[in-house]
């Protein structure tokens, strides 16, 4: 069972489902790629984590909040996966999801948590709103906050709105953190797919500030198809 007595998904139900699916081999694989030694690893393959999250996609946000309290990697991955699933719904409460994310942002502290849900949970919410918060995050000393800022911009780029994403790329072009640079490169690539001329202008202006990997990723948008 992954739901409470009344059929409502709960944090405890998700934890029980994860523990039932755990293995020692998977635990060791996941532990090797953790960026924080304090993170607990249950030992569940990602496809199974996503399946469990999908089965619990109707979870109330209060229970998602409780999941973010967990020190277990898979619990928080399931939490952000549930947020991503809810964000895809036409009747999603985008304001509530955004507020939950921003209140618990320090618990969303791996690159894959951010990539899993920031575009829809944050970027989609901000489509028709000022993006000052993204610039505040981009200026943070915390690398995960900076990655969140540029990753949330993916959904804004998808809408065809390039001004703020380009400004964020400019702000983060010389970022010393590899895990920020990688998504700056992705953002620029996606900008280039919408407007190649604006990408070319950015690279002429600030391309030398980017890491080589970010620059290569960005330039793939300008490479003619074979």
Protein backbone atom coordinates (compact mmCIF):
# COMPACT_ATOMS: atom_id res chain seq x y z
CA UNK A 1 0.00 0.00 0.00
CA UNK A 2 1.27 3.47 -0.86
CA UNK A 3 -1.82 5.35 0.30
CA UNK A 4 -3.40 6.21 3.62
CA UNK A 5 -6.55 4.61 4.96
CA UNK A 6 -8.81 7.01 3.06
CA UNK A 7 -6.97 6.51 -0.23
CA UNK A 8 -4.88 9.66 0.12
CA UNK A 9 -1.18 9.21 -0.70
CA UNK A 10 1.12 9.77 2.27
CA UNK A 11 4.80 10.31 2.90
CA UNK A 12 4.86 7.15 5.03
CA UNK A 13 3.33 5.13 2.21
CA UNK A 14 5.96 6.31 -0.24
CA UNK A 15 8.73 5.49 2.22
CA UNK A 16 7.34 1.98 2.67
CA UNK A 17 7.12 1.46 -1.10
CA UNK A 18 10.70 2.65 -1.56
CA UNK A 19 12.04 0.40 1.16
CA UNK A 20 10.21 -2.57 -0.34
CA UNK A 21 11.93 -1.92 -3.67
CA UNK A 22 15.44 -1.34 -2.27
CA UNK A 23 18.55 -3.41 -2.92
CA UNK A 24 22.06 -3.32 -1.50
CA UNK A 25 23.63 -3.22 -4.98
CA UNK A 26 21.57 -0.20 -6.00
CA UNK A 27 22.35 1.49 -2.69
CA UNK A 28 26.06 1.31 -3.41
CA UNK A 29 25.64 2.57 -6.99
CA UNK A 30 23.67 5.60 -5.85
CA UNK A 31 25.93 6.34 -2.90
CA UNK A 32 28.93 6.71 -5.22
CA UNK A 33 27.36 9.67 -6.99
CA UNK A 34 26.07 11.56 -3.98
CA UNK A 35 27.47 15.06 -3.50
CA UNK A 36 26.76 15.14 0.24
CA UNK A 37 27.95 12.36 2.53
CA UNK A 38 25.10 13.11 4.94
CA UNK A 39 22.49 11.98 2.42
CA UNK A 40 20.79 8.70 3.30
CA UNK A 41 20.43 6.29 0.39
CA UNK A 42 17.64 3.72 0.44
CA UNK A 43 18.84 1.95 -2.69
CA UNK A 44 16.07 2.19 -5.32
CA UNK A 45 16.66 2.48 -9.06
CA UNK A 46 15.42 5.73 -10.56
CA UNK A 47 12.84 4.16 -12.82
CA UNK A 48 11.20 2.59 -9.78
CA UNK A 49 11.34 5.89 -7.84
CA UNK A 50 9.55 7.59 -10.74
CA UNK A 51 6.94 4.82 -10.92
CA UNK A 52 6.23 5.16 -7.19
CA UNK A 53 5.96 8.94 -7.56
CA UNK A 54 3.54 8.54 -10.47
CA UNK A 55 1.32 6.24 -8.39
CA UNK A 56 1.27 8.92 -5.68
CA UNK A 57 0.85 11.94 -7.95
CA UNK A 58 -2.36 13.01 -6.15
CA UNK A 59 -0.47 13.53 -2.91
CA UNK A 60 -1.47 16.66 -0.97
CA UNK A 61 1.28 19.27 -0.89
CA UNK A 62 1.46 19.00 2.89
CA UNK A 63 2.62 15.40 2.49
CA UNK A 64 5.10 16.41 -0.21
CA UNK A 65 6.44 18.94 2.27
CA UNK A 66 6.91 16.12 4.79
CA UNK A 67 8.80 14.09 2.19
CA UNK A 68 11.21 16.98 1.70
CA UNK A 69 12.04 16.72 5.41
CA UNK A 70 13.57 13.32 4.76
CA UNK A 71 17.34 12.87 4.56
CA UNK A 72 16.81 10.00 2.11
CA UNK A 73 17.80 10.79 -1.46
CA UNK A 74 14.96 8.77 -2.99
CA UNK A 75 12.31 10.36 -0.77
CA UNK A 76 13.19 13.84 -1.96
CA UNK A 77 13.50 12.63 -5.56
CA UNK A 78 9.99 11.20 -5.28
CA UNK A 79 8.80 14.49 -3.79
CA UNK A 80 10.06 16.63 -6.67
CA UNK A 81 8.78 14.02 -9.15
CA UNK A 82 5.31 14.34 -7.62
CA UNK A 83 5.55 18.12 -7.96
CA UNK A 84 6.55 17.72 -11.61
CA UNK A 85 3.63 15.37 -12.22
CA UNK A 86 1.18 17.79 -10.61
CA UNK A 87 2.63 20.71 -12.58
CA UNK A 88 1.65 18.96 -15.83
CA UNK A 89 -2.03 19.08 -14.85
CA UNK A 90 -4.27 21.75 -16.36
CA UNK A 91 -5.76 22.50 -12.94
CA UNK A 92 -2.41 22.59 -11.13
CA UNK A 93 -2.16 24.95 -8.18
CA UNK A 94 1.02 26.53 -9.54
CA UNK A 95 1.22 29.20 -6.86
CA UNK A 96 1.09 26.64 -4.05
CA UNK A 97 3.71 24.42 -5.67
CA UNK A 98 5.97 27.38 -6.33
CA UNK A 99 5.61 28.60 -2.76
CA UNK A 100 6.41 25.13 -1.41
CA UNK A 101 9.53 24.87 -3.57
CA UNK A 102 10.82 28.29 -2.60
CA UNK A 103 10.14 27.69 1.10
CA UNK A 104 11.98 24.37 1.00
CA UNK A 105 14.59 25.28 -1.62
CA UNK A 106 17.49 24.33 0.64
CA UNK A 107 16.18 20.75 0.66
CA UNK A 108 16.27 20.60 -3.15
CA UNK A 109 20.01 20.27 -3.25
CA UNK A 110 21.17 17.94 -6.01
CA UNK A 111 21.41 18.59 -9.74
CA UNK A 112 18.86 15.89 -10.54
CA UNK A 113 16.24 17.15 -8.07
CA UNK A 114 16.47 20.54 -9.78
CA UNK A 115 16.43 19.21 -13.32
CA UNK A 116 13.50 16.94 -12.56
CA UNK A 117 11.02 19.67 -11.70
CA UNK A 118 12.32 23.26 -11.70
CA UNK A 119 11.30 24.01 -15.32
CA UNK A 120 7.62 23.24 -14.74
CA UNK A 121 7.25 24.08 -11.06
CA UNK A 122 9.15 27.39 -11.13
CA UNK A 123 9.51 28.34 -14.79
CA UNK A 124 5.91 27.66 -15.75
CA UNK A 125 4.62 29.60 -12.75
CA UNK A 126 6.76 32.61 -13.68
CA UNK A 127 5.76 32.71 -17.34
CA UNK A 128 3.41 35.66 -16.79
CA UNK A 129 5.14 37.15 -13.74
CA UNK A 130 8.27 39.20 -12.94
CA UNK A 131 11.38 36.99 -12.73
CA UNK A 132 13.29 38.96 -10.08
CA UNK A 133 13.49 35.82 -7.96
CA UNK A 134 15.50 34.05 -10.67
CA UNK A 135 18.06 36.84 -10.69
CA UNK A 136 18.28 36.70 -6.90
CA UNK A 137 18.91 32.97 -7.10
CA UNK A 138 21.46 33.47 -9.86
CA UNK A 139 23.43 35.81 -7.59
CA UNK A 140 23.36 33.38 -4.66
CA UNK A 141 26.50 31.89 -3.13
CA UNK A 142 24.72 28.52 -3.22
CA UNK A 143 25.47 26.59 -6.41
CA UNK A 144 22.14 24.78 -6.26
CA UNK A 145 20.25 28.07 -6.14
CA UNK A 146 22.16 29.25 -9.21
CA UNK A 147 21.45 26.00 -11.05
CA UNK A 148 17.79 26.37 -10.10
CA UNK A 149 17.67 29.84 -11.65
CA UNK A 150 18.99 28.79 -15.05
CA UNK A 151 17.09 25.49 -15.08
CA UNK A 152 13.76 27.18 -14.34
CA UNK A 153 14.45 29.38 -17.37
CA UNK A 154 14.16 26.35 -19.69
CA UNK A 155 10.37 26.60 -19.59
CA UNK A 156 10.48 30.34 -20.24
CA UNK A 157 12.68 29.72 -23.28
CA UNK A 158 10.22 27.08 -24.47
CA UNK A 159 7.51 29.76 -24.48
CA UNK A 160 9.64 31.87 -26.84
CA UNK A 161 10.46 34.53 -24.24
CA UNK A 162 14.23 34.96 -24.46
CA UNK A 163 15.09 38.26 -22.76
CA UNK A 164 15.31 37.10 -19.14
CA UNK A 165 16.90 33.74 -19.99
CA UNK A 166 19.61 35.53 -21.99
CA UNK A 167 20.19 37.92 -19.11
CA UNK A 168 20.52 34.97 -16.73
CA UNK A 169 23.00 33.33 -19.08
CA UNK A 170 24.97 36.54 -19.11
CA UNK A 171 24.99 36.70 -15.34
CA UNK A 172 26.13 33.08 -15.04
CA UNK A 173 28.45 32.89 -18.06
CA UNK A 174 31.60 32.95 -15.94
CA UNK A 175 30.19 30.85 -13.09
CA UNK A 176 33.01 28.73 -11.59
CA UNK A 177 30.72 25.78 -10.82
CA UNK A 178 30.61 23.02 -13.45
CA UNK A 179 27.09 22.02 -12.45
CA UNK A 180 25.89 25.55 -13.18
CA UNK A 181 27.85 25.87 -16.41
CA UNK A 182 26.34 22.69 -17.85
CA UNK A 183 22.82 24.11 -17.69
CA UNK A 184 23.91 27.53 -18.93
CA UNK A 185 25.09 25.67 -22.02
CA UNK A 186 21.76 23.87 -22.31
CA UNK A 187 19.82 27.12 -21.91
CA UNK A 188 21.88 28.77 -24.64
CA UNK A 189 21.39 25.80 -26.94
CA UNK A 190 17.63 26.05 -26.50
CA UNK A 191 17.76 29.81 -27.07
CA UNK A 192 19.67 29.13 -30.28
CA UNK A 193 16.97 26.77 -31.48
CA UNK A 194 14.42 29.56 -31.07
CA UNK A 195 16.58 32.45 -32.36
CA UNK A 196 20.03 31.53 -33.73
CA UNK A 197 20.96 35.17 -34.29
CA UNK A 198 20.55 36.03 -30.62
CA UNK A 199 22.68 33.05 -29.62
CA UNK A 200 25.39 34.09 -32.08
CA UNK A 201 25.32 37.62 -30.68
CA UNK A 202 25.62 36.27 -27.12
CA UNK A 203 28.56 34.03 -28.03
CA UNK A 204 30.31 36.92 -29.75
CA UNK A 205 29.83 39.06 -26.66
CA UNK A 206 30.39 36.58 -23.82
CA UNK A 207 31.33 33.25 -25.32
CA UNK A 208 34.86 33.42 -23.96
CA UNK A 209 33.49 33.56 -20.41
CA UNK A 210 31.73 30.20 -20.76
CA UNK A 211 33.39 26.92 -19.89
CA UNK A 212 34.49 24.97 -22.98
CA UNK A 213 31.77 22.37 -22.35
CA UNK A 214 29.03 25.00 -22.04
CA UNK A 215 30.23 26.72 -25.19
CA UNK A 216 30.22 23.44 -27.13
CA UNK A 217 26.71 22.64 -25.94
CA UNK A 218 25.46 26.09 -26.93
CA UNK A 219 27.00 25.90 -30.37
CA UNK A 220 25.21 22.65 -31.23
CA UNK A 221 22.16 24.81 -31.96
CA UNK A 222 24.14 26.46 -34.75
CA UNK A 223 25.44 23.24 -36.32
CA UNK A 224 23.65 22.40 -39.59
CA UNK A 225 21.82 19.10 -39.55
CA UNK A 226 23.57 16.38 -41.62
